[in-house]
Amino acid sequence: MGHSVNGRNLCAIIAGYMVVKQLLNLILGFSFMNIVWLVISAGLGFMLISSKKYMNIVTAVYLVVIVLVNLKGNLENFGFNSSLIYLAEAVLDVVCAWQLAANKDIRQFFDHG
């Protein structure tokens, strides 16, 4: 299997994660903004899988911004409740962002896509 195929598969996993994460957030706390984030995540995920130029970087920045916007509230409300879910989500977001920006297979998928 070539590097760009591995990169595409990793992008598909990250895109799926982003949509499932937003669906879970929508279920945990229904709001208009959760719908907006779901639509944005689905759109970014589609463009990610389609290997649109620079979408790996744009999506990585989006994931980091989401973490930074929500980090203060998650840390202030830290406890053994849904905050742990949100902190785990933040860790996964950072890992996904790092992969999108630094993984050689993903970079090759976007260089040759």
N, C-alpha and C. Protein backbone atom coordinates (compact mmCIF):
# COMPACT_ATOMS: atom_id res chain seq x y z
N MET A 1 0.86 -1.16 0.00
CA MET A 1 0.00 0.00 0.00
C MET A 1 0.91 1.23 0.00
N GLY A 2 0.62 2.19 -0.87
CA GLY A 2 1.43 3.39 -0.99
C GLY A 2 1.18 4.38 0.12
N HIS A 3 2.11 5.32 0.24
CA HIS A 3 1.99 6.34 1.27
C HIS A 3 0.72 7.17 1.11
N SER A 4 0.37 7.52 -0.14
CA SER A 4 -0.81 8.36 -0.32
C SER A 4 -2.09 7.59 0.03
N VAL A 5 -2.09 6.28 -0.15
CA VAL A 5 -3.25 5.48 0.26
C VAL A 5 -3.35 5.46 1.78
N ASN A 6 -2.21 5.29 2.44
CA ASN A 6 -2.20 5.35 3.91
C ASN A 6 -2.67 6.72 4.38
N GLY A 7 -2.20 7.77 3.72
CA GLY A 7 -2.60 9.13 4.07
C GLY A 7 -4.08 9.34 3.90
N ARG A 8 -4.64 8.81 2.81
CA ARG A 8 -6.08 8.95 2.58
C ARG A 8 -6.85 8.21 3.66
N ASN A 9 -6.39 7.02 4.03
CA ASN A 9 -7.07 6.26 5.08
C ASN A 9 -7.02 6.99 6.42
N LEU A 10 -5.87 7.56 6.74
CA LEU A 10 -5.75 8.33 7.99
C LEU A 10 -6.67 9.55 7.95
N CYS A 11 -6.75 10.22 6.80
CA CYS A 11 -7.64 11.37 6.66
C CYS A 11 -9.10 10.94 6.83
N ALA A 12 -9.46 9.78 6.30
CA ALA A 12 -10.84 9.29 6.45
C ALA A 12 -11.16 9.00 7.91
N ILE A 13 -10.20 8.44 8.63
CA ILE A 13 -10.40 8.16 10.06
C ILE A 13 -10.57 9.47 10.82
N ILE A 14 -9.74 10.46 10.54
CA ILE A 14 -9.84 11.75 11.23
C ILE A 14 -11.14 12.44 10.88
N ALA A 15 -11.54 12.40 9.61
CA ALA A 15 -12.81 13.01 9.19
C ALA A 15 -13.98 12.34 9.90
N GLY A 16 -13.96 11.02 9.97
CA GLY A 16 -15.01 10.30 10.69
C GLY A 16 -15.04 10.65 12.16
N TYR A 17 -13.87 10.75 12.76
CA TYR A 17 -13.78 11.14 14.17
C TYR A 17 -14.41 12.52 14.39
N MET A 18 -14.09 13.47 13.50
CA MET A 18 -14.61 14.83 13.68
C MET A 18 -16.14 14.86 13.63
N VAL A 19 -16.72 14.09 12.72
CA VAL A 19 -18.18 14.08 12.60
C VAL A 19 -18.81 13.36 13.80
N VAL A 20 -18.26 12.22 14.18
CA VAL A 20 -18.80 11.48 15.33
C VAL A 20 -18.68 12.33 16.61
N LYS A 21 -17.55 13.02 16.76
CA LYS A 21 -17.35 13.88 17.93
C LYS A 21 -18.42 14.96 17.99
N GLN A 22 -18.71 15.59 16.87
CA GLN A 22 -19.71 16.65 16.87
C GLN A 22 -21.12 16.09 17.06
N LEU A 23 -21.38 14.90 16.56
CA LEU A 23 -22.68 14.27 16.82
C LEU A 23 -22.83 13.99 18.32
N LEU A 24 -21.77 13.51 18.95
CA LEU A 24 -21.81 13.26 20.40
C LEU A 24 -22.02 14.57 21.16
N ASN A 25 -21.32 15.62 20.75
CA ASN A 25 -21.52 16.93 21.40
C ASN A 25 -22.95 17.42 21.22
N LEU A 26 -23.52 17.16 20.07
CA LEU A 26 -24.91 17.56 19.81
C LEU A 26 -25.87 16.80 20.72
N ILE A 27 -25.60 15.53 20.93
CA ILE A 27 -26.45 14.71 21.81
C ILE A 27 -26.29 15.15 23.27
N LEU A 28 -25.04 15.42 23.69
CA LEU A 28 -24.79 15.80 25.09
C LEU A 28 -25.34 17.18 25.43
N GLY A 29 -25.36 18.07 24.46
CA GLY A 29 -25.85 19.43 24.74
C GLY A 29 -26.35 20.08 23.47
N PHE A 30 -27.60 19.86 23.14
CA PHE A 30 -28.16 20.37 21.88
C PHE A 30 -28.12 21.90 21.87
N SER A 31 -27.51 22.45 20.83
CA SER A 31 -27.51 23.90 20.65
C SER A 31 -27.29 24.21 19.17
N PHE A 32 -27.61 25.42 18.80
CA PHE A 32 -27.41 25.85 17.42
C PHE A 32 -25.93 25.78 17.04
N MET A 33 -25.04 26.19 17.95
CA MET A 33 -23.61 26.16 17.65
C MET A 33 -23.10 24.75 17.44
N ASN A 34 -23.66 23.77 18.15
CA ASN A 34 -23.26 22.39 17.90
C ASN A 34 -23.64 21.95 16.50
N ILE A 35 -24.77 22.44 16.00
CA ILE A 35 -25.16 22.14 14.62
C ILE A 35 -24.18 22.80 13.65
N VAL A 36 -23.80 24.04 13.94
CA VAL A 36 -22.83 24.75 13.09
C VAL A 36 -21.51 23.99 13.06
N TRP A 37 -21.01 23.58 14.24
CA TRP A 37 -19.74 22.84 14.30
C TRP A 37 -19.85 21.51 13.55
N LEU A 38 -21.01 20.86 13.62
CA LEU A 38 -21.21 19.61 12.90
C LEU A 38 -21.11 19.83 11.40
N VAL A 39 -21.77 20.88 10.91
CA VAL A 39 -21.74 21.18 9.47
C VAL A 39 -20.31 21.52 9.03
N ILE A 40 -19.62 22.33 9.83
CA ILE A 40 -18.23 22.69 9.50
C ILE A 40 -17.35 21.45 9.49
N SER A 41 -17.49 20.61 10.50
CA SER A 41 -16.67 19.39 10.58
C SER A 41 -16.94 18.46 9.41
N ALA A 42 -18.20 18.32 9.03
CA ALA A 42 -18.54 17.46 7.90
C ALA A 42 -17.94 18.02 6.61
N GLY A 43 -18.03 19.33 6.43
CA GLY A 43 -17.46 19.95 5.24
C GLY A 43 -15.96 19.81 5.18
N LEU A 44 -15.29 20.08 6.30
CA LEU A 44 -13.84 19.91 6.35
C LEU A 44 -13.44 18.45 6.13
N GLY A 45 -14.21 17.54 6.71
CA GLY A 45 -13.93 16.12 6.53
C GLY A 45 -14.04 15.70 5.08
N PHE A 46 -15.07 16.20 4.39
CA PHE A 46 -15.23 15.89 2.97
C PHE A 46 -14.06 16.42 2.16
N MET A 47 -13.69 17.68 2.42
CA MET A 47 -12.57 18.27 1.67
C MET A 47 -11.25 17.59 2.03
N LEU A 48 -11.14 17.11 3.25
CA LEU A 48 -9.95 16.39 3.68
C LEU A 48 -9.81 15.09 2.89
N ILE A 49 -10.88 14.33 2.79
CA ILE A 49 -10.86 13.07 2.06
C ILE A 49 -10.64 13.31 0.57
N SER A 50 -11.13 14.45 0.08
CA SER A 50 -10.99 14.79 -1.34
C SER A 50 -9.60 15.33 -1.67
N SER A 51 -8.75 15.47 -0.69
CA SER A 51 -7.38 15.98 -0.79
C SER A 51 -7.31 17.37 -1.43
N LYS A 52 -8.25 18.22 -1.04
CA LYS A 52 -8.19 19.61 -1.49
C LYS A 52 -6.93 20.24 -0.91
N LYS A 53 -6.25 21.00 -1.73
CA LYS A 53 -4.96 21.58 -1.35
C LYS A 53 -5.05 22.34 -0.03
N TYR A 54 -4.11 22.07 0.85
CA TYR A 54 -3.93 22.70 2.16
C TYR A 54 -5.04 22.37 3.17
N MET A 55 -5.97 21.51 2.85
CA MET A 55 -7.05 21.20 3.80
C MET A 55 -6.55 20.45 5.02
N ASN A 56 -5.43 19.74 4.89
CA ASN A 56 -4.87 19.11 6.08
C ASN A 56 -4.42 20.17 7.09
N ILE A 57 -3.83 21.25 6.61
CA ILE A 57 -3.38 22.32 7.50
C ILE A 57 -4.58 23.11 8.03
N VAL A 58 -5.53 23.42 7.16
CA VAL A 58 -6.73 24.17 7.58
C VAL A 58 -7.48 23.37 8.65
N THR A 59 -7.62 22.08 8.45
CA THR A 59 -8.33 21.23 9.40
C THR A 59 -7.55 21.12 10.72
N ALA A 60 -6.24 21.02 10.63
CA ALA A 60 -5.42 20.98 11.85
C ALA A 60 -5.59 22.26 12.66
N VAL A 61 -5.58 23.40 11.98
CA VAL A 61 -5.77 24.67 12.67
C VAL A 61 -7.16 24.73 13.30
N TYR A 62 -8.17 24.28 12.57
CA TYR A 62 -9.55 24.23 13.10
C TYR A 62 -9.61 23.41 14.38
N LEU A 63 -8.98 22.24 14.38
CA LEU A 63 -9.01 21.38 15.56
C LEU A 63 -8.31 22.04 16.75
N VAL A 64 -7.18 22.69 16.51
CA VAL A 64 -6.46 23.36 17.59
C VAL A 64 -7.26 24.55 18.12
N VAL A 65 -7.90 25.30 17.23
CA VAL A 65 -8.73 26.43 17.67
C VAL A 65 -9.87 25.94 18.55
N ILE A 66 -10.51 24.85 18.16
CA ILE A 66 -11.60 24.28 18.97
C ILE A 66 -11.08 23.93 20.38
N VAL A 67 -9.90 23.33 20.43
CA VAL A 67 -9.32 22.98 21.74
C VAL A 67 -9.07 24.23 22.56
N LEU A 68 -8.46 25.23 21.96
CA LEU A 68 -8.13 26.45 22.70
C LEU A 68 -9.37 27.21 23.16
N VAL A 69 -10.40 27.23 22.34
CA VAL A 69 -11.64 27.93 22.70
C VAL A 69 -12.30 27.27 23.90
N ASN A 70 -12.24 25.95 23.97
CA ASN A 70 -12.96 25.21 25.01
C ASN A 70 -12.11 24.81 26.21
N LEU A 71 -10.80 24.99 26.13
CA LEU A 71 -9.92 24.48 27.17
C LEU A 71 -10.18 25.12 28.54
N LYS A 72 -10.32 26.42 28.59
CA LYS A 72 -10.52 27.10 29.88
C LYS A 72 -11.77 26.58 30.59
N GLY A 73 -12.88 26.51 29.88
CA GLY A 73 -14.12 26.01 30.47
C GLY A 73 -14.01 24.56 30.91
N ASN A 74 -13.32 23.75 30.14
CA ASN A 74 -13.15 22.34 30.50
C ASN A 74 -12.30 22.18 31.75
N LEU A 75 -11.28 23.01 31.89
CA LEU A 75 -10.42 22.92 33.07
C LEU A 75 -11.10 23.49 34.31
N GLU A 76 -11.89 24.55 34.14
CA GLU A 76 -12.60 25.13 35.28
C GLU A 76 -13.65 24.18 35.83
N ASN A 77 -14.27 23.41 34.96
CA ASN A 77 -15.33 22.48 35.38
C ASN A 77 -14.81 21.06 35.52
N PHE A 78 -13.51 20.93 35.77
CA PHE A 78 -12.91 19.60 35.82
C PHE A 78 -13.50 18.78 36.96
N GLY A 79 -13.86 17.58 36.62
CA GLY A 79 -14.39 16.64 37.60
C GLY A 79 -14.65 15.33 36.90
N PHE A 80 -15.10 14.36 37.64
CA PHE A 80 -15.35 13.05 37.05
C PHE A 80 -16.77 13.00 36.51
N ASN A 81 -16.99 13.83 35.52
CA ASN A 81 -18.28 13.87 34.83
C ASN A 81 -18.00 14.03 33.36
N SER A 82 -18.84 14.73 32.66
CA SER A 82 -18.65 14.87 31.22
C SER A 82 -17.41 15.69 30.87
N SER A 83 -16.84 16.43 31.84
CA SER A 83 -15.61 17.17 31.57
C SER A 83 -14.48 16.25 31.14
N LEU A 84 -14.45 15.05 31.69
CA LEU A 84 -13.42 14.09 31.28
C LEU A 84 -13.58 13.73 29.81
N ILE A 85 -14.80 13.63 29.36
CA ILE A 85 -15.05 13.35 27.94
C ILE A 85 -14.50 14.48 27.09
N TYR A 86 -14.75 15.72 27.51
CA TYR A 86 -14.29 16.86 26.74
C TYR A 86 -12.78 17.00 26.77
N LEU A 87 -12.14 16.65 27.89
CA LEU A 87 -10.68 16.69 27.95
C LEU A 87 -10.07 15.59 27.09
N ALA A 88 -10.68 14.42 27.09
CA ALA A 88 -10.22 13.35 26.20
C ALA A 88 -10.38 13.77 24.74
N GLU A 89 -11.49 14.42 24.45
CA GLU A 89 -11.74 14.94 23.11
C GLU A 89 -10.65 15.94 22.72
N ALA A 90 -10.25 16.80 23.66
CA ALA A 90 -9.21 17.79 23.38
C ALA A 90 -7.88 17.10 23.06
N VAL A 91 -7.55 16.06 23.80
CA VAL A 91 -6.32 15.31 23.54
C VAL A 91 -6.38 14.68 22.15
N LEU A 92 -7.51 14.07 21.81
CA LEU A 92 -7.66 13.47 20.48
C LEU A 92 -7.59 14.52 19.38
N ASP A 93 -8.17 15.69 19.63
CA ASP A 93 -8.10 16.77 18.65
C ASP A 93 -6.65 17.18 18.38
N VAL A 94 -5.86 17.30 19.45
CA VAL A 94 -4.45 17.68 19.29
C VAL A 94 -3.68 16.59 18.54
N VAL A 95 -3.94 15.34 18.86
CA VAL A 95 -3.28 14.23 18.16
C VAL A 95 -3.65 14.25 16.68
N CYS A 96 -4.92 14.44 16.38
CA CYS A 96 -5.36 14.50 14.98
C CYS A 96 -4.73 15.69 14.26
N ALA A 97 -4.69 16.84 14.92
CA ALA A 97 -4.09 18.03 14.31
C ALA A 97 -2.61 17.77 14.01
N TRP A 98 -1.92 17.16 14.96
CA TRP A 98 -0.50 16.86 14.76
C TRP A 98 -0.32 15.91 13.58
N GLN A 99 -1.15 14.89 13.51
CA GLN A 99 -1.05 13.95 12.39
C GLN A 99 -1.31 14.65 11.05
N LEU A 100 -2.32 15.50 11.02
CA LEU A 100 -2.64 16.21 9.77
C LEU A 100 -1.49 17.11 9.33
N ALA A 101 -0.78 17.68 10.27
CA ALA A 101 0.29 18.61 9.92
C ALA A 101 1.64 17.92 9.71
N ALA A 102 1.89 16.81 10.40
CA ALA A 102 3.24 16.25 10.42
C ALA A 102 3.38 14.86 9.81
N ASN A 103 2.31 14.11 9.67
CA ASN A 103 2.42 12.74 9.19
C ASN A 103 2.86 12.72 7.72
N LYS A 104 3.92 11.96 7.43
CA LYS A 104 4.47 11.95 6.07
C LYS A 104 3.49 11.36 5.05
N ASP A 105 2.70 10.37 5.46
CA ASP A 105 1.73 9.78 4.53
C ASP A 105 0.63 10.78 4.19
N ILE A 106 0.17 11.52 5.18
CA ILE A 106 -0.87 12.53 4.92
C ILE A 106 -0.31 13.65 4.06
N ARG A 107 0.91 14.09 4.36
CA ARG A 107 1.53 15.15 3.52
C ARG A 107 1.67 14.68 2.09
N GLN A 108 2.08 13.41 1.88
CA GLN A 108 2.21 12.90 0.52
C GLN A 108 0.85 12.81 -0.17
N PHE A 109 -0.20 12.44 0.57
CA PHE A 109 -1.55 12.38 0.00
C PHE A 109 -1.96 13.75 -0.53
N PHE A 110 -1.60 14.81 0.18
CA PHE A 110 -1.96 16.16 -0.26
C PHE A 110 -1.00 16.70 -1.33
N ASP A 111 0.23 16.23 -1.34
CA ASP A 111 1.18 16.66 -2.38
C ASP A 111 0.82 16.05 -3.73
N HIS A 112 0.28 14.83 -3.71
CA HIS A 112 -0.01 14.13 -4.96
C HIS A 112 -1.50 14.05 -5.25
N GLY A 113 -2.35 14.63 -4.37
CA GLY A 113 -3.80 14.51 -4.50
C GLY A 113 -4.40 15.36 -5.55
